[in-house]
Structures are given as structure tokens and as C-alpha cells.
Amino acid sequence: MVESGLGDCLEVDWLQDIAQRVLRTQGLDSRTEVDLVIASQGKVQALNRQYLGRDWPTDVIAFSLRANDDQGQELSFVLPPDGVTRLGEVIISYPQAVAQAGELGHSVKKEVAILIIHGVLHLLGYRDDEPELKRQMMAKQDELLSTIEGEVSF
């Protein structure tokens, strides 16, 4: 979903293609689903405040539909009758992506692709809240970006 007036240069098919490529590179098939939302800075900040207790802007938020126990181990549940695994939702701040693309000197599309990769990795259980975990996640993010960059134009 793209909020009205946002992301006029982003086609829904392109966004879906990037997300599907990330899932495929991680060994997931077409029966795995991720919801992707391109939103305003205000909307993302409101979600960050409401659900994560952080009252500041951010570039991407991921809400997982997978349940974990107290030790962070994934709990197994019966799949829905349609057999589709729904990982969760990735919400990207389009204005933040534009700003970061400018700061880093690359296209907005490349920055949005990076944020999609980052959000999907969070849904797959990657964390970046500790230095070593962040290093591992960023290495995987860079690896996926390199793979996708060779297949898709940014």
C-alpha cells in the first residue's frame, strides 16, 4: 500500500518484485507473504511512538506476525487453511527514504530497496539492537542488496 501522494516514482509491481526477491533469496517461496506500506513521516513516527515507545522519526518499522516465547524462540503454530505464511508488515517512511538517499548519494529506489530488505530481515528474526547482532544483520543486508542490485535497476 502506498499512501496517497507518496512515492509517485514507486510502482507497486516494482515494490512487490523487490520484496519477492528478498524472500526468494532467503529460501521462501510464493506461499510466503509480507505486507509492505509506504507511508508519511508523521504516520511512521506515530507508529514508532505508539508501539515501540520511541517518539522520533525512523525510516522503517517491521511488525512481525510470528510469535516468540520469553527466550525469543519462535513458537510454532498451525498454518492458516490457505497455507500462506504471513510474516508481518514492513512500513517505510517515504520522506525519510528520500532524505537518506540524498545523504548517501544514491537513488530513492535503491534506498527503498534497502529499507525493504532491512524490514524483511527483521521479520525473519534478524536484530540490530546489539553491536554484534547489528553487524550480522548489516552483512546480510549488504549481501542481499548486492544480489538484488545485479537483477533489478535502481
N, C-alpha and C. Protein backbone atom coordinates (compact mmCIF):
# COMPACT_ATOMS: atom_id res chain seq x y z
N MET A 1 0.85 -1.17 0.00
CA MET A 1 0.00 0.00 0.00
C MET A 1 0.89 1.23 0.00
N VAL A 2 0.57 2.20 -0.82
CA VAL A 2 1.27 3.47 -0.86
C VAL A 2 0.27 4.55 -0.49
N GLU A 3 0.57 5.31 0.58
CA GLU A 3 -0.33 6.39 0.99
C GLU A 3 -0.48 7.38 -0.15
N SER A 4 -1.64 7.99 -0.24
CA SER A 4 -1.93 8.96 -1.29
C SER A 4 -0.89 10.07 -1.32
N GLY A 5 -0.38 10.36 -2.52
CA GLY A 5 0.58 11.44 -2.69
C GLY A 5 2.01 11.06 -2.40
N LEU A 6 2.25 9.85 -1.97
CA LEU A 6 3.61 9.42 -1.65
C LEU A 6 4.11 8.44 -2.69
N GLY A 7 5.37 8.52 -2.94
CA GLY A 7 6.01 7.50 -3.76
C GLY A 7 5.53 7.45 -5.19
N ASP A 8 5.28 8.63 -5.79
CA ASP A 8 4.80 8.63 -7.17
C ASP A 8 5.79 7.94 -8.11
N CYS A 9 7.08 7.89 -7.72
CA CYS A 9 8.06 7.24 -8.60
C CYS A 9 8.18 5.74 -8.30
N LEU A 10 7.41 5.25 -7.34
CA LEU A 10 7.48 3.84 -6.98
C LEU A 10 6.25 3.11 -7.49
N GLU A 11 6.46 2.15 -8.34
CA GLU A 11 5.36 1.36 -8.86
C GLU A 11 5.11 0.17 -7.92
N VAL A 12 3.87 -0.17 -7.74
CA VAL A 12 3.50 -1.28 -6.87
C VAL A 12 4.19 -2.57 -7.34
N ASP A 13 4.21 -2.80 -8.66
CA ASP A 13 4.86 -4.01 -9.18
C ASP A 13 6.35 -4.06 -8.81
N TRP A 14 7.01 -2.91 -8.86
CA TRP A 14 8.43 -2.85 -8.51
C TRP A 14 8.63 -3.17 -7.03
N LEU A 15 7.79 -2.58 -6.17
CA LEU A 15 7.88 -2.84 -4.73
C LEU A 15 7.67 -4.33 -4.44
N GLN A 16 6.65 -4.93 -5.07
CA GLN A 16 6.38 -6.35 -4.88
C GLN A 16 7.55 -7.20 -5.36
N ASP A 17 8.14 -6.82 -6.49
CA ASP A 17 9.26 -7.57 -7.04
C ASP A 17 10.44 -7.57 -6.07
N ILE A 18 10.75 -6.42 -5.48
CA ILE A 18 11.87 -6.34 -4.54
C ILE A 18 11.59 -7.24 -3.34
N ALA A 19 10.39 -7.13 -2.76
CA ALA A 19 10.05 -7.96 -1.59
C ALA A 19 10.12 -9.45 -1.93
N GLN A 20 9.59 -9.83 -3.10
CA GLN A 20 9.62 -11.25 -3.50
C GLN A 20 11.05 -11.75 -3.70
N ARG A 21 11.89 -10.91 -4.26
CA ARG A 21 13.30 -11.29 -4.46
C ARG A 21 14.00 -11.52 -3.12
N VAL A 22 13.72 -10.66 -2.15
CA VAL A 22 14.32 -10.83 -0.82
C VAL A 22 13.86 -12.16 -0.22
N LEU A 23 12.57 -12.44 -0.30
CA LEU A 23 12.04 -13.68 0.26
C LEU A 23 12.66 -14.90 -0.44
N ARG A 24 12.74 -14.86 -1.77
CA ARG A 24 13.32 -15.98 -2.51
C ARG A 24 14.78 -16.22 -2.13
N THR A 25 15.55 -15.13 -1.97
CA THR A 25 16.96 -15.31 -1.62
C THR A 25 17.12 -15.93 -0.23
N GLN A 26 16.07 -15.86 0.56
CA GLN A 26 16.09 -16.45 1.90
C GLN A 26 15.42 -17.82 1.93
N GLY A 27 15.16 -18.38 0.75
CA GLY A 27 14.63 -19.73 0.66
C GLY A 27 13.13 -19.83 0.87
N LEU A 28 12.43 -18.71 0.78
CA LEU A 28 10.98 -18.71 0.96
C LEU A 28 10.31 -18.65 -0.40
N ASP A 29 9.17 -19.32 -0.52
CA ASP A 29 8.51 -19.39 -1.82
C ASP A 29 7.31 -18.45 -1.90
N SER A 30 6.54 -18.59 -2.94
CA SER A 30 5.41 -17.70 -3.20
C SER A 30 4.29 -17.87 -2.18
N ARG A 31 4.39 -18.86 -1.32
CA ARG A 31 3.38 -19.05 -0.27
C ARG A 31 3.77 -18.32 1.01
N THR A 32 4.72 -17.39 0.88
CA THR A 32 5.11 -16.53 2.00
C THR A 32 4.75 -15.10 1.64
N GLU A 33 4.13 -14.42 2.57
CA GLU A 33 3.58 -13.10 2.29
C GLU A 33 4.11 -12.07 3.28
N VAL A 34 4.39 -10.88 2.76
CA VAL A 34 4.78 -9.73 3.57
C VAL A 34 3.92 -8.56 3.12
N ASP A 35 3.35 -7.84 4.07
CA ASP A 35 2.64 -6.62 3.73
C ASP A 35 3.65 -5.48 3.73
N LEU A 36 3.58 -4.62 2.73
CA LEU A 36 4.50 -3.51 2.58
C LEU A 36 3.70 -2.22 2.48
N VAL A 37 4.05 -1.25 3.34
CA VAL A 37 3.35 0.03 3.36
C VAL A 37 4.38 1.14 3.18
N ILE A 38 4.11 2.05 2.24
CA ILE A 38 4.92 3.25 2.06
C ILE A 38 4.09 4.38 2.67
N ALA A 39 4.64 5.04 3.69
CA ALA A 39 3.85 5.97 4.48
C ALA A 39 4.56 7.31 4.67
N SER A 40 3.84 8.25 5.26
CA SER A 40 4.40 9.57 5.58
C SER A 40 5.28 9.48 6.82
N GLN A 41 6.11 10.49 6.98
CA GLN A 41 6.98 10.56 8.16
C GLN A 41 6.14 10.62 9.43
N GLY A 42 5.06 11.41 9.40
CA GLY A 42 4.21 11.53 10.58
C GLY A 42 3.57 10.20 10.97
N LYS A 43 3.12 9.44 9.99
CA LYS A 43 2.50 8.14 10.27
C LYS A 43 3.51 7.18 10.88
N VAL A 44 4.71 7.14 10.32
CA VAL A 44 5.74 6.22 10.84
C VAL A 44 6.15 6.64 12.25
N GLN A 45 6.30 7.95 12.48
CA GLN A 45 6.65 8.41 13.82
C GLN A 45 5.55 8.08 14.82
N ALA A 46 4.31 8.22 14.43
CA ALA A 46 3.18 7.88 15.31
C ALA A 46 3.20 6.39 15.67
N LEU A 47 3.48 5.54 14.69
CA LEU A 47 3.57 4.09 14.96
C LEU A 47 4.76 3.79 15.86
N ASN A 48 5.87 4.45 15.62
CA ASN A 48 7.07 4.27 16.43
C ASN A 48 6.78 4.63 17.89
N ARG A 49 6.06 5.73 18.10
CA ARG A 49 5.69 6.18 19.44
C ARG A 49 4.70 5.22 20.09
N GLN A 50 3.64 4.88 19.35
CA GLN A 50 2.56 4.06 19.90
C GLN A 50 3.00 2.64 20.24
N TYR A 51 3.75 2.01 19.35
CA TYR A 51 4.05 0.59 19.53
C TYR A 51 5.45 0.30 20.06
N LEU A 52 6.38 1.23 19.87
CA LEU A 52 7.75 0.98 20.32
C LEU A 52 8.20 1.95 21.40
N GLY A 53 7.33 2.93 21.74
CA GLY A 53 7.66 3.87 22.80
C GLY A 53 8.77 4.84 22.45
N ARG A 54 8.99 5.06 21.15
CA ARG A 54 10.06 5.95 20.68
C ARG A 54 9.43 7.10 19.90
N ASP A 55 9.44 8.28 20.48
CA ASP A 55 8.78 9.42 19.84
C ASP A 55 9.74 10.20 18.95
N TRP A 56 10.18 9.54 17.88
CA TRP A 56 11.03 10.20 16.89
C TRP A 56 10.84 9.53 15.54
N PRO A 57 11.22 10.24 14.49
CA PRO A 57 11.08 9.66 13.15
C PRO A 57 12.02 8.47 12.96
N THR A 58 11.66 7.58 12.09
CA THR A 58 12.52 6.47 11.72
C THR A 58 12.25 6.12 10.27
N ASP A 59 13.12 5.31 9.68
CA ASP A 59 12.97 5.01 8.26
C ASP A 59 12.12 3.80 7.97
N VAL A 60 12.19 2.78 8.83
CA VAL A 60 11.44 1.56 8.59
C VAL A 60 11.07 0.92 9.93
N ILE A 61 9.87 0.38 9.97
CA ILE A 61 9.40 -0.38 11.14
C ILE A 61 8.85 -1.70 10.61
N ALA A 62 9.14 -2.77 11.33
CA ALA A 62 8.62 -4.09 10.95
C ALA A 62 7.81 -4.66 12.12
N PHE A 63 6.62 -5.10 11.81
CA PHE A 63 5.75 -5.73 12.80
C PHE A 63 5.58 -7.20 12.40
N SER A 64 6.15 -8.07 13.19
CA SER A 64 6.12 -9.49 12.90
C SER A 64 4.81 -10.12 13.34
N LEU A 65 4.34 -11.07 12.56
CA LEU A 65 3.17 -11.85 12.94
C LEU A 65 3.58 -13.18 13.56
N ARG A 66 4.88 -13.42 13.64
CA ARG A 66 5.39 -14.65 14.25
C ARG A 66 5.49 -14.43 15.75
N ALA A 67 5.08 -15.42 16.51
CA ALA A 67 5.11 -15.31 17.97
C ALA A 67 6.38 -15.95 18.50
N ASN A 68 6.94 -15.33 19.55
CA ASN A 68 8.12 -15.85 20.22
C ASN A 68 7.82 -16.06 21.70
N ASP A 69 8.54 -17.01 22.30
CA ASP A 69 8.39 -17.21 23.73
C ASP A 69 9.28 -16.20 24.47
N ASP A 70 9.37 -16.32 25.79
CA ASP A 70 10.13 -15.38 26.60
C ASP A 70 11.62 -15.38 26.29
N GLN A 71 12.14 -16.45 25.73
CA GLN A 71 13.55 -16.54 25.37
C GLN A 71 13.80 -16.15 23.92
N GLY A 72 12.79 -15.69 23.22
CA GLY A 72 12.95 -15.27 21.84
C GLY A 72 12.85 -16.40 20.83
N GLN A 73 12.54 -17.61 21.28
CA GLN A 73 12.40 -18.74 20.37
C GLN A 73 11.03 -18.70 19.71
N GLU A 74 11.02 -18.92 18.40
CA GLU A 74 9.77 -18.88 17.66
C GLU A 74 8.86 -20.03 18.08
N LEU A 75 7.61 -19.69 18.32
CA LEU A 75 6.60 -20.69 18.63
C LEU A 75 5.99 -21.18 17.32
N SER A 76 5.71 -22.45 17.24
CA SER A 76 5.11 -22.96 16.00
C SER A 76 3.60 -22.99 16.14
N PHE A 77 2.95 -22.58 15.08
CA PHE A 77 1.50 -22.55 15.03
C PHE A 77 1.05 -23.29 13.78
N VAL A 78 -0.18 -23.67 13.78
CA VAL A 78 -0.77 -24.28 12.61
C VAL A 78 -0.93 -23.19 11.55
N LEU A 79 -0.58 -23.52 10.30
CA LEU A 79 -0.75 -22.56 9.21
C LEU A 79 -2.23 -22.33 8.93
N PRO A 80 -2.57 -21.14 8.42
CA PRO A 80 -3.96 -20.91 8.03
C PRO A 80 -4.37 -21.89 6.94
N PRO A 81 -5.67 -22.07 6.75
CA PRO A 81 -6.15 -23.05 5.77
C PRO A 81 -5.64 -22.84 4.35
N ASP A 82 -5.29 -21.60 3.99
CA ASP A 82 -4.80 -21.36 2.63
C ASP A 82 -3.33 -21.72 2.47
N GLY A 83 -2.64 -22.07 3.58
CA GLY A 83 -1.25 -22.49 3.50
C GLY A 83 -0.25 -21.37 3.31
N VAL A 84 -0.70 -20.13 3.36
CA VAL A 84 0.19 -18.98 3.17
C VAL A 84 0.79 -18.59 4.52
N THR A 85 2.11 -18.44 4.54
CA THR A 85 2.79 -17.96 5.74
C THR A 85 2.86 -16.45 5.67
N ARG A 86 2.25 -15.79 6.61
CA ARG A 86 2.25 -14.33 6.66
C ARG A 86 3.28 -13.89 7.70
N LEU A 87 4.37 -13.28 7.20
CA LEU A 87 5.46 -12.89 8.10
C LEU A 87 5.14 -11.65 8.91
N GLY A 88 4.44 -10.70 8.30
CA GLY A 88 4.15 -9.45 9.01
C GLY A 88 4.13 -8.28 8.06
N GLU A 89 4.39 -7.10 8.62
CA GLU A 89 4.24 -5.86 7.88
C GLU A 89 5.52 -5.03 7.98
N VAL A 90 5.95 -4.49 6.85
CA VAL A 90 7.09 -3.57 6.79
C VAL A 90 6.53 -2.21 6.39
N ILE A 91 6.81 -1.21 7.22
CA ILE A 91 6.30 0.14 6.97
C ILE A 91 7.49 1.06 6.77
N ILE A 92 7.54 1.71 5.61
CA ILE A 92 8.66 2.56 5.23
C ILE A 92 8.21 4.02 5.17
N SER A 93 9.00 4.89 5.78
CA SER A 93 8.77 6.33 5.67
C SER A 93 9.37 6.82 4.36
N TYR A 94 8.51 7.19 3.41
CA TYR A 94 8.99 7.66 2.12
C TYR A 94 9.82 8.93 2.26
N PRO A 95 9.38 9.93 3.03
CA PRO A 95 10.20 11.14 3.17
C PRO A 95 11.59 10.84 3.77
N GLN A 96 11.65 9.92 4.70
CA GLN A 96 12.95 9.55 5.29
C GLN A 96 13.81 8.84 4.26
N ALA A 97 13.21 8.01 3.43
CA ALA A 97 13.96 7.33 2.36
C ALA A 97 14.54 8.35 1.39
N VAL A 98 13.76 9.37 1.05
CA VAL A 98 14.23 10.42 0.14
C VAL A 98 15.42 11.15 0.77
N ALA A 99 15.29 11.51 2.04
CA ALA A 99 16.38 12.23 2.73
C ALA A 99 17.64 11.38 2.80
N GLN A 100 17.48 10.10 3.16
CA GLN A 100 18.65 9.22 3.29
C GLN A 100 19.30 8.97 1.94
N ALA A 101 18.52 8.85 0.89
CA ALA A 101 19.07 8.66 -0.45
C ALA A 101 19.94 9.86 -0.82
N GLY A 102 19.45 11.06 -0.52
CA GLY A 102 20.22 12.26 -0.79
C GLY A 102 21.52 12.31 0.00
N GLU A 103 21.45 11.95 1.28
CA GLU A 103 22.64 11.95 2.13
C GLU A 103 23.67 10.93 1.66
N LEU A 104 23.21 9.79 1.19
CA LEU A 104 24.11 8.71 0.79
C LEU A 104 24.49 8.75 -0.69
N GLY A 105 23.86 9.65 -1.44
CA GLY A 105 24.22 9.84 -2.84
C GLY A 105 23.78 8.72 -3.77
N HIS A 106 22.64 8.10 -3.47
CA HIS A 106 22.10 7.12 -4.40
C HIS A 106 20.61 7.39 -4.62
N SER A 107 20.00 6.61 -5.49
CA SER A 107 18.61 6.86 -5.86
C SER A 107 17.64 6.52 -4.72
N VAL A 108 16.47 7.12 -4.79
CA VAL A 108 15.41 6.83 -3.82
C VAL A 108 15.01 5.37 -3.94
N LYS A 109 14.94 4.85 -5.17
CA LYS A 109 14.58 3.44 -5.36
C LYS A 109 15.57 2.53 -4.65
N LYS A 110 16.86 2.82 -4.74
CA LYS A 110 17.84 1.99 -4.05
C LYS A 110 17.62 2.06 -2.54
N GLU A 111 17.35 3.26 -2.02
CA GLU A 111 17.13 3.39 -0.57
C GLU A 111 15.88 2.64 -0.14
N VAL A 112 14.82 2.72 -0.93
CA VAL A 112 13.60 1.97 -0.60
C VAL A 112 13.88 0.47 -0.63
N ALA A 113 14.67 0.01 -1.61
CA ALA A 113 15.03 -1.41 -1.67
C ALA A 113 15.80 -1.81 -0.42
N ILE A 114 16.73 -0.97 0.02
CA ILE A 114 17.50 -1.26 1.25
C ILE A 114 16.55 -1.37 2.44
N LEU A 115 15.58 -0.47 2.52
CA LEU A 115 14.64 -0.49 3.65
C LEU A 115 13.71 -1.70 3.60
N ILE A 116 13.33 -2.12 2.39
CA ILE A 116 12.53 -3.34 2.27
C ILE A 116 13.35 -4.52 2.77
N ILE A 117 14.59 -4.62 2.33
CA ILE A 117 15.47 -5.71 2.78
C ILE A 117 15.59 -5.69 4.29
N HIS A 118 15.85 -4.52 4.84
CA HIS A 118 16.04 -4.39 6.29
C HIS A 118 14.78 -4.83 7.05
N GLY A 119 13.63 -4.36 6.59
CA GLY A 119 12.38 -4.72 7.25
C GLY A 119 12.09 -6.21 7.17
N VAL A 120 12.29 -6.81 6.00
CA VAL A 120 12.05 -8.25 5.85
C VAL A 120 13.01 -9.04 6.73
N LEU A 121 14.26 -8.61 6.81
CA LEU A 121 15.21 -9.31 7.70
C LEU A 121 14.72 -9.28 9.14
N HIS A 122 14.17 -8.15 9.57
CA HIS A 122 13.59 -8.10 10.93
C HIS A 122 12.46 -9.13 11.06
N LEU A 123 11.61 -9.22 10.05
CA LEU A 123 10.52 -10.20 10.11
C LEU A 123 11.03 -11.62 10.16
N LEU A 124 12.21 -11.85 9.61
CA LEU A 124 12.82 -13.19 9.62
C LEU A 124 13.63 -13.45 10.88
N GLY A 125 13.61 -12.50 11.80
CA GLY A 125 14.25 -12.73 13.10
C GLY A 125 15.58 -12.04 13.31
N TYR A 126 16.08 -11.33 12.31
CA TYR A 126 17.33 -10.59 12.49
C TYR A 126 17.09 -9.41 13.42
N ARG A 127 18.11 -9.11 14.22
CA ARG A 127 18.01 -7.99 15.17
C ARG A 127 19.22 -7.08 14.98
N ASP A 128 19.02 -5.81 15.36
CA ASP A 128 20.11 -4.85 15.28
C ASP A 128 20.22 -3.99 16.54
N ASP A 129 19.75 -4.56 17.66
CA ASP A 129 19.75 -3.81 18.91
C ASP A 129 21.00 -4.04 19.76
N GLU A 130 21.92 -4.84 19.29
CA GLU A 130 23.21 -5.06 19.94
C GLU A 130 24.28 -5.01 18.86
N PRO A 131 25.49 -4.54 19.18
CA PRO A 131 26.53 -4.35 18.15
C PRO A 131 26.81 -5.59 17.29
N GLU A 132 26.96 -6.75 17.88
CA GLU A 132 27.28 -7.94 17.09
C GLU A 132 26.10 -8.37 16.23
N LEU A 133 24.89 -8.28 16.78
CA LEU A 133 23.70 -8.61 16.00
C LEU A 133 23.52 -7.63 14.84
N LYS A 134 23.80 -6.36 15.09
CA LYS A 134 23.71 -5.35 14.04
C LYS A 134 24.72 -5.64 12.94
N ARG A 135 25.95 -6.01 13.31
CA ARG A 135 26.98 -6.32 12.32
C ARG A 135 26.52 -7.48 11.43
N GLN A 136 25.96 -8.52 12.05
CA GLN A 136 25.47 -9.67 11.30
C GLN A 136 24.33 -9.28 10.36
N MET A 137 23.41 -8.47 10.88
CA MET A 137 22.26 -8.07 10.08
C MET A 137 22.71 -7.20 8.90
N MET A 138 23.61 -6.27 9.15
CA MET A 138 24.07 -5.38 8.08
C MET A 138 24.84 -6.17 7.02
N ALA A 139 25.60 -7.17 7.43
CA ALA A 139 26.31 -8.01 6.46
C ALA A 139 25.31 -8.74 5.57
N LYS A 140 24.25 -9.29 6.17
CA LYS A 140 23.22 -9.98 5.39
C LYS A 140 22.49 -8.99 4.49
N GLN A 141 22.20 -7.80 5.00
CA GLN A 141 21.53 -6.77 4.20
C GLN A 141 22.39 -6.40 2.98
N ASP A 142 23.68 -6.20 3.19
CA ASP A 142 24.58 -5.86 2.08
C ASP A 142 24.66 -6.99 1.06
N GLU A 143 24.69 -8.23 1.55
CA GLU A 143 24.73 -9.39 0.66
C GLU A 143 23.47 -9.45 -0.21
N LEU A 144 22.31 -9.26 0.40
CA LEU A 144 21.05 -9.30 -0.34
C LEU A 144 20.96 -8.14 -1.33
N LEU A 145 21.40 -6.96 -0.90
CA LEU A 145 21.37 -5.81 -1.80
C LEU A 145 22.24 -6.07 -3.03
N SER A 146 23.43 -6.63 -2.82
CA SER A 146 24.32 -6.94 -3.95
C SER A 146 23.67 -7.92 -4.92
N THR A 147 23.02 -8.93 -4.37
CA THR A 147 22.34 -9.93 -5.21
C THR A 147 21.22 -9.28 -6.02
N ILE A 148 20.39 -8.51 -5.35
CA ILE A 148 19.23 -7.90 -6.00
C ILE A 148 19.66 -6.80 -6.97
N GLU A 149 20.68 -6.06 -6.60
CA GLU A 149 21.16 -4.97 -7.43
C GLU A 149 21.63 -5.47 -8.80
N GLY A 150 22.12 -6.70 -8.83
CA GLY A 150 22.53 -7.27 -10.10
C GLY A 150 21.37 -7.69 -10.99
N GLU A 151 20.16 -7.76 -10.41
CA GLU A 151 18.99 -8.23 -11.13
C GLU A 151 17.97 -7.14 -11.45
N VAL A 152 17.99 -6.05 -10.68
CA VAL A 152 16.96 -5.02 -10.78
C VAL A 152 17.64 -3.66 -10.93
N SER A 153 17.02 -2.79 -11.68
CA SER A 153 17.57 -1.45 -11.84
C SER A 153 17.05 -0.52 -10.75
N PHE A 154 17.98 0.19 -10.15
CA PHE A 154 17.62 1.19 -9.13
C PHE A 154 17.80 2.57 -9.74
